[in-house]
Protein backbone atom coordinates (compact mmCIF):
# COMPACT_ATOMS: atom_id res chain seq x y z
CA MET A 1 -19.05 -27.75 -37.59
CA PHE A 2 -18.83 -28.82 -34.02
CA ALA A 3 -15.05 -28.15 -34.68
CA SER A 4 -15.41 -24.30 -35.62
CA PHE A 5 -17.30 -23.86 -32.36
CA LEU A 6 -14.01 -24.73 -30.46
CA THR A 7 -11.40 -22.45 -32.62
CA MET A 8 -10.63 -19.26 -30.55
CA PRO A 9 -12.20 -16.11 -32.37
CA ASP A 10 -8.98 -14.26 -33.71
CA TRP A 11 -8.96 -11.01 -31.96
CA LEU A 12 -8.21 -13.42 -29.30
CA THR A 13 -5.41 -14.76 -31.31
CA ALA A 14 -3.98 -12.09 -32.59
CA PRO A 15 -0.68 -10.97 -31.17
CA ASN A 16 -0.73 -8.13 -28.21
CA PRO A 17 0.16 -4.41 -30.24
CA LEU A 18 2.13 -3.67 -26.96
CA SER A 19 4.63 -6.69 -27.29
CA ARG A 20 6.91 -5.11 -29.96
CA TRP A 21 7.09 -1.78 -27.62
CA THR A 22 9.84 -1.81 -25.28
CA ALA A 23 9.49 -1.85 -21.36
CA THR A 24 10.13 1.28 -21.12
CA GLU A 25 7.42 2.36 -24.01
CA GLN A 26 4.76 0.36 -22.31
CA ILE A 27 5.42 1.64 -18.99
CA GLY A 28 5.08 5.28 -19.79
CA LEU A 29 2.01 4.31 -21.63
CA LEU A 30 0.90 2.97 -18.86
CA PHE A 31 1.71 6.52 -16.81
CA VAL A 32 0.23 8.64 -19.85
CA ALA A 33 -3.17 6.58 -19.07
CA LEU A 34 -2.85 6.49 -15.49
CA PHE A 35 -2.60 10.41 -15.00
CA GLY A 36 -4.40 10.97 -18.31
CA LEU A 37 -7.72 9.38 -16.19
CA LEU A 38 -7.24 11.16 -12.96
CA LEU A 39 -6.87 14.21 -14.76
CA LEU A 40 -10.50 13.98 -16.41
CA THR A 41 -11.47 12.67 -12.61
CA SER A 42 -10.16 16.03 -11.23
CA ILE A 43 -11.51 18.19 -13.49
CA GLY A 44 -14.96 16.46 -13.35
CA SER A 45 -15.07 17.05 -9.84
CA PHE A 46 -13.82 20.58 -9.89
CA ILE A 47 -17.44 21.39 -12.69
CA ASN A 48 -19.11 18.92 -10.14
CA GLY A 49 -17.95 20.87 -7.42
CA LEU A 50 -19.07 24.40 -8.87
CA ARG A 51 -22.25 22.53 -10.35
CA GLU A 52 -23.30 21.88 -6.88
CA GLN A 53 -22.86 24.99 -5.79
CA ALA A 54 -25.20 27.02 -7.85
CA LEU A 55 -28.30 24.68 -6.53
CA VAL A 56 -29.84 26.72 -4.12
CA GLU A 57 -33.07 25.02 -3.57
CA LEU A 58 -31.54 22.33 -1.51
CA ASP A 59 -32.40 22.48 2.52
CA GLU A 60 -29.31 22.91 5.10
CA ALA A 61 -28.78 19.33 6.24
CA ALA A 62 -28.69 17.87 1.89
CA GLN A 63 -26.16 20.19 1.44
CA LYS A 64 -23.98 19.66 4.24
CA ALA A 65 -24.58 15.84 3.24
CA ARG A 66 -23.73 16.83 0.07
CA HIS A 67 -20.53 18.74 1.22
CA LEU A 68 -19.14 15.86 3.10
CA ARG A 69 -19.50 14.05 0.37
CA ARG A 70 -17.70 15.70 -2.04
CA GLN A 71 -14.75 16.12 0.75
CA ARG A 72 -14.22 12.75 1.34
CA PHE A 73 -14.17 11.69 -2.65
CA ALA A 74 -11.91 15.22 -2.85
CA ARG A 75 -9.55 13.37 0.25
CA GLU A 76 -9.72 10.09 -1.56
CA LEU A 77 -8.47 11.49 -4.80
CA LYS A 78 -5.80 13.30 -2.91
CA LEU A 79 -4.93 9.76 -2.27
CA VAL A 80 -4.83 8.50 -4.96
CA TRP A 81 -3.14 11.09 -7.28
CA PHE A 82 -0.26 11.27 -4.31
CA GLY A 83 0.37 7.55 -4.41
CA ALA A 84 0.82 7.64 -8.83
CA SER A 85 2.90 10.29 -7.79
CA VAL A 86 4.95 8.11 -5.53
CA PHE A 87 5.13 5.07 -8.34
CA TRP A 88 6.39 7.53 -11.19
CA ALA A 89 8.74 8.78 -9.26
CA ALA A 90 10.05 5.19 -8.53
CA TRP A 91 10.13 4.42 -11.68
CA VAL A 92 12.05 7.69 -13.30
CA SER A 93 14.70 8.25 -10.67
CA GLY A 94 15.64 4.03 -11.18
CA PRO A 95 16.58 1.10 -9.18
CA LEU A 96 18.78 3.70 -6.70
CA GLY A 97 16.31 6.52 -6.57
CA ALA A 98 13.29 4.75 -5.87
CA THR A 99 14.55 3.01 -3.08
CA LEU A 100 16.06 6.36 -1.50
CA LEU A 101 12.65 7.36 -1.99
CA PHE A 102 11.28 4.56 -0.43
CA GLY A 103 13.91 5.41 2.38
CA ILE A 104 12.58 8.90 3.09
CA LEU A 105 9.26 7.89 3.02
CA SER A 106 10.08 5.12 5.79
CA PHE A 107 12.16 7.45 7.32
CA LEU A 108 8.76 10.04 7.17
CA ALA A 109 6.44 7.06 8.65
CA LEU A 110 8.57 5.76 11.44
CA ARG A 111 9.04 9.17 12.82
CA GLU A 112 5.02 9.88 12.71
CA PHE A 113 5.07 6.40 14.49
CA ILE A 114 7.31 7.20 16.98
CA THR A 115 5.91 10.51 18.02
CA LEU A 116 2.71 8.75 18.91
CA LEU A 117 4.51 6.91 21.65
CA HIS A 118 5.27 7.76 25.07
CA THR A 119 9.54 7.43 24.91
CA ARG A 120 11.65 7.57 27.44
CA ARG A 121 15.24 8.66 27.93
CA GLY A 122 16.53 5.03 27.99
CA ASP A 123 14.86 4.33 24.26
CA HIS A 124 17.27 7.26 22.49
CA ARG A 125 19.75 4.43 22.00
CA SER A 126 17.19 1.67 20.43
CA LEU A 127 15.63 5.03 18.56
CA ILE A 128 19.23 5.91 17.17
CA LEU A 129 19.29 2.05 16.08
CA ALA A 130 16.31 2.30 14.32
CA PHE A 131 16.35 5.06 12.28
CA PHE A 132 20.36 5.47 11.57
CA PHE A 133 21.55 1.69 11.36
CA ILE A 134 18.99 -0.36 10.28
CA LEU A 135 16.78 1.62 8.03
CA PRO A 136 19.67 2.50 5.80
CA LEU A 137 21.10 -1.30 5.92
CA GLN A 138 18.12 -2.45 5.21
CA TYR A 139 17.37 -0.58 1.96
CA ALA A 140 20.98 -1.29 1.10
CA LEU A 141 19.86 -4.47 0.94
CA THR A 142 17.08 -3.92 -1.11
CA GLY A 143 19.04 -1.60 -3.51
CA GLY A 144 21.67 -4.43 -3.56
CA ARG A 145 19.29 -7.39 -4.23
CA HIS A 146 20.54 -9.35 -1.52
CA PHE A 147 16.68 -10.47 -1.02
CA ASP A 148 17.96 -13.00 1.47
CA LEU A 149 19.61 -11.00 4.27
CA PHE A 150 17.10 -8.52 3.13
CA SER A 151 14.25 -10.75 4.27
CA VAL A 152 15.66 -11.41 7.56
CA LEU A 153 17.67 -8.27 9.24
CA ILE A 154 14.77 -6.88 10.53
CA PRO A 155 12.98 -9.83 11.66
CA VAL A 156 15.90 -11.66 13.29
CA TYR A 157 18.87 -9.07 14.21
CA SER A 158 17.06 -5.80 14.42
CA PHE A 159 14.63 -7.93 16.66
CA LEU A 160 17.08 -8.96 19.03
CA ALA A 161 19.42 -5.45 18.44
CA ILE A 162 16.67 -3.33 20.13
CA PRO A 163 16.48 -4.88 22.76
CA VAL A 164 19.95 -5.07 24.14
CA ALA A 165 20.31 -1.25 23.58
CA SER A 166 17.36 -0.62 25.45
CA ALA A 167 19.26 -2.63 27.82
CA LEU A 168 22.26 -1.34 28.15
CA ALA A 169 21.25 2.53 28.72
CA GLY A 170 19.59 1.02 32.29
CA ASP A 171 16.19 1.68 32.28
CA PRO A 172 13.58 -0.92 33.42
CA ALA A 173 10.32 0.58 33.60
CA ARG A 174 8.15 -1.03 31.40
CA TYR A 175 10.81 -2.53 29.06
CA LEU A 176 8.86 -4.69 27.21
CA GLU A 177 6.22 -2.27 26.61
CA ARG A 178 8.78 -0.16 24.86
CA ASN A 179 10.17 -2.70 23.22
CA ALA A 180 8.05 -3.93 21.77
CA LYS A 181 6.08 -0.68 20.19
CA ILE A 182 9.94 0.11 18.75
CA GLN A 183 10.22 -2.75 17.07
CA TRP A 184 6.16 -3.03 15.75
CA GLY A 185 7.11 0.78 14.39
CA ILE A 186 10.18 -1.22 12.59
CA MET A 187 8.54 -3.78 11.01
CA VAL A 188 5.42 -1.64 9.28
CA CYS A 189 7.59 1.27 8.26
CA VAL A 190 10.83 0.32 7.36
CA TYR A 191 10.00 -3.64 6.97
CA GLY A 192 6.92 -3.84 5.52
CA LEU A 193 7.68 -0.38 2.85
CA SER A 194 10.82 -1.72 1.50
CA HIS A 195 8.95 -4.51 -0.06
CA ALA A 196 7.57 -2.19 -2.46
CA PRO A 197 11.04 -0.51 -4.28
CA ALA A 198 11.96 -4.44 -3.75
CA LEU A 199 9.19 -5.47 -6.40
CA LEU A 200 10.74 -3.33 -8.63
CA LEU A 201 13.67 -4.45 -8.80
CA LEU A 202 12.27 -8.60 -8.85
CA GLU A 203 13.27 -10.56 -12.23
CA PHE A 204 11.17 -13.00 -13.77
CA PRO A 205 12.53 -14.60 -16.73
CA GLY A 206 11.49 -13.04 -19.66
CA TYR A 207 9.53 -9.97 -17.98
CA LEU A 208 13.34 -7.87 -17.48
CA GLY A 209 12.31 -4.29 -16.69
CA ARG A 210 8.79 -4.39 -16.08
CA GLY A 211 9.16 -4.61 -12.06
CA ALA A 212 6.95 -1.15 -12.29
CA PHE A 213 4.17 -3.15 -14.37
CA LEU A 214 4.77 -5.56 -10.88
CA LEU A 215 4.48 -2.88 -8.36
CA PHE A 216 1.03 -0.81 -10.24
CA PHE A 217 -0.45 -4.47 -10.13
CA LEU A 218 -0.23 -4.44 -6.14
CA VAL A 219 -1.10 -1.37 -6.09
CA ALA A 220 -3.90 -1.35 -8.07
CA VAL A 221 -5.24 -4.17 -6.93
CA VAL A 222 -5.31 -3.33 -2.95
CA ALA A 223 -6.68 0.09 -3.70
CA PHE A 224 -9.77 -1.57 -5.42
CA GLY A 225 -10.29 -4.23 -2.71
CA GLN A 226 -10.58 -1.52 -0.07
CA PHE A 227 -12.80 0.43 -2.82
CA VAL A 228 -15.31 -2.22 -2.79
CA GLN A 229 -15.05 -3.06 0.84
CA LEU A 230 -15.01 0.27 2.15
CA ALA A 231 -18.16 0.46 -0.32
CA ALA A 232 -20.11 -2.99 0.81
CA SER A 233 -19.36 -1.83 4.06
CA ARG A 234 -21.77 1.15 3.69
CA ARG A 235 -24.61 -0.40 1.59
CA LEU A 236 -24.42 -3.69 3.64
CA ARG A 237 -26.00 -4.56 6.79
CA ARG A 238 -22.57 -4.21 8.95
CA ARG A 239 -21.75 -6.71 11.24
CA PRO A 240 -18.35 -5.41 12.65
CA VAL A 241 -16.20 -8.33 14.29
CA ALA A 242 -14.30 -5.82 16.24
CA ARG A 243 -16.53 -3.20 17.25
CA HIS A 244 -14.23 -1.61 19.51
CA ILE A 245 -11.92 -0.72 17.06
CA SER A 246 -14.04 -0.59 13.38
CA ARG A 247 -17.40 -0.12 13.09
CA GLU A 248 -16.78 -0.15 9.22
CA PHE A 249 -15.15 -3.51 9.04
CA SER A 250 -16.72 -6.80 8.82
CA MET A 251 -15.86 -10.28 6.88
CA ARG A 252 -18.56 -9.45 5.11
CA ALA A 253 -17.59 -6.90 3.40
CA TRP A 254 -13.68 -7.65 3.64
CA TRP A 255 -14.77 -11.16 1.15
CA LEU A 256 -16.06 -8.72 -1.13
CA GLY A 257 -13.14 -6.68 -1.12
CA CYS A 258 -10.70 -9.73 -1.60
CA ILE A 259 -13.28 -10.81 -4.93
CA GLY A 260 -13.06 -7.63 -6.24
CA ALA A 261 -9.34 -7.12 -5.85
CA ALA A 262 -8.90 -10.94 -7.00
CA LEU A 263 -11.41 -9.87 -10.49
CA MET A 264 -9.80 -6.49 -10.96
CA GLY A 265 -6.41 -8.60 -10.71
CA SER A 266 -7.09 -11.26 -13.22
CA ALA A 267 -8.16 -8.52 -15.44
CA LEU A 268 -4.47 -7.11 -15.31
CA PHE A 269 -3.09 -10.08 -15.59
CA TRP A 270 -1.48 -9.03 -18.81
CA ILE A 271 0.64 -6.48 -17.39
CA THR A 272 2.46 -9.11 -15.29
CA PRO A 273 4.68 -12.42 -15.74
CA PHE A 274 1.29 -14.36 -14.40
CA ASP A 275 -1.53 -16.15 -15.87
CA ALA A 276 -5.13 -14.98 -15.42
CA LEU A 277 -5.49 -17.51 -12.94
CA GLN A 278 -2.46 -16.61 -10.77
CA ALA A 279 -3.14 -12.70 -10.97
CA MET A 280 -6.53 -13.57 -9.48
CA ALA A 281 -5.05 -15.36 -6.31
CA MET A 282 -1.87 -13.07 -6.11
CA ALA A 283 -4.77 -9.89 -6.20
CA PHE A 284 -6.76 -11.62 -3.47
CA ILE A 285 -3.89 -12.66 -0.81
CA ALA A 286 -2.35 -8.77 -1.26
CA ALA A 287 -5.74 -7.24 -0.89
CA GLY A 288 -6.42 -9.67 1.72
CA ALA A 289 -3.25 -9.05 3.09
CA GLY A 290 -3.83 -5.09 2.72
CA SER A 291 -7.05 -5.09 4.64
CA PHE A 292 -6.54 -6.86 8.12
CA GLY A 293 -3.38 -4.27 8.16
CA GLY A 294 -5.71 -1.63 7.77
CA LEU A 295 -7.47 -3.10 11.12
CA VAL A 296 -4.06 -3.61 12.95
CA MET A 297 -3.36 -0.08 11.83
CA GLN A 298 -6.85 1.27 13.21
CA ALA A 299 -6.10 -0.32 16.85
CA LEU A 300 -2.67 0.92 16.66
CA LYS A 301 -4.50 4.26 16.52
CA ARG A 302 -7.01 3.60 19.36
CA ASP A 303 -4.66 2.62 21.71
CA ALA A 304 -2.98 5.34 20.95
CA GLY A 305 -5.39 7.66 21.00
CA VAL A 306 -5.51 9.45 18.11
CA ARG A 307 -7.88 9.76 14.43
CA SER A 308 -5.05 9.83 12.45
CA TRP A 309 -1.02 9.03 11.96
CA GLY A 310 0.85 13.07 12.19
CA ASN A 311 -1.63 13.65 15.55
CA LEU A 312 -3.19 15.98 12.97
CA SER A 313 -6.81 16.83 13.71
CA SER A 314 -9.68 15.12 12.30
CA ILE A 315 -11.82 18.06 11.94
CA THR A 316 -9.94 19.49 8.82
CA GLY A 317 -9.69 16.09 7.12
CA ALA A 318 -5.59 15.76 7.27
CA VAL A 319 -4.38 12.87 7.60
CA GLY A 320 -0.43 12.31 7.79
CA LEU A 321 1.68 9.84 5.95
CA LEU A 322 1.16 6.27 7.78
CA ASP A 323 -2.79 6.50 7.02
CA ARG A 324 -2.09 6.41 3.27
CA ILE A 325 0.94 4.22 2.90
CA ALA A 326 -0.22 1.54 6.02
CA VAL A 327 -1.89 -1.25 3.83
CA LEU A 328 0.67 -0.80 1.89
CA CYS A 329 3.03 -1.79 4.35
CA PHE A 330 0.99 -4.59 4.83
CA ALA A 331 0.33 -5.74 1.75
CA ALA A 332 3.86 -5.54 -0.26
CA PRO A 333 5.85 -7.99 1.85
CA VAL A 334 2.91 -10.81 2.08
CA PHE A 335 2.60 -10.34 -2.12
CA PHE A 336 6.64 -10.16 -2.75
CA HIS A 337 7.15 -13.18 -0.66
CA SER A 338 4.78 -15.23 -1.68
CA VAL A 339 5.66 -13.76 -5.72
CA ARG A 340 8.75 -15.42 -4.84
CA TRP A 341 8.75 -18.51 -3.11
CA TYR A 342 5.32 -19.62 -6.33
CA PHE A 343 7.89 -18.83 -8.75
CA GLU A 344 11.41 -20.18 -6.91
CA LEU A 345 12.78 -17.16 -7.64
CA SER A 346 16.07 -17.37 -6.02
CA LEU A 347 17.74 -14.02 -5.87
């Protein structure tokens, strides 16, 4: 009788019905479910907006508060649609197309970053080197799966080449500051983001052709962690650790966001090559890195004196591309190298 309590229920030991499907069919089902959920959410948001417009008994202050909440939710929903569309386009276009797509995103993000810097004529050589040599070479190494050189091209070679190109221009004014800004832009916009298509190309034994699930896992846990952190920072008593950078960032909210991401990761372990505990740890690491990355990018915006990348007015609620992908730029390399180190993948 006691042994009967130790036996697993049949529904837990039954084989996964999706295991008979091919990798393409499984990933296709993932996108159908993802876009179906987003479509239902968008329809529900539209109907809710029409219903709120019909409520005339609310005072002006309550109507304004509802309108601001609806605008904020609409911006966040557009962000999710944007991420899902990029994810789908990367998968449909294949490894080469995904590499080119993320290369274009890196180019646009780096352009946004450099636009807000005070560059001089002496920086032109360094910028040409960054945009037209380092960026294409980084993504060429990504598409070719040369991950050993891909991992050190920017932290080693470009960090030495950029100052040399700047020095050859013969302009010593604010030399260190100018080069540091260009190097940091390359590190975030090119090096960090290039690890997203690298996940699509990462191969595990017995997990071939399912790299899209790994990228989806990263985006899902990081986005959910950000959502939990934002909700916690608004609900809990705030104790900001960097008040002059962000009044919403607190370590309590950070911990709750990472724990929420870890729980989401454990729930999604079945689409990854990880077990539940491994998925929980990887999700915690990725969400924590992404959250700290968001704080760093906010500090850079404060230093540049803007509210959003792309130099767009915050009154309209518009944000730049880098605002949408900044968290992923920090989370992707940490997640990629953590996975590769832990599973000893030699590529």
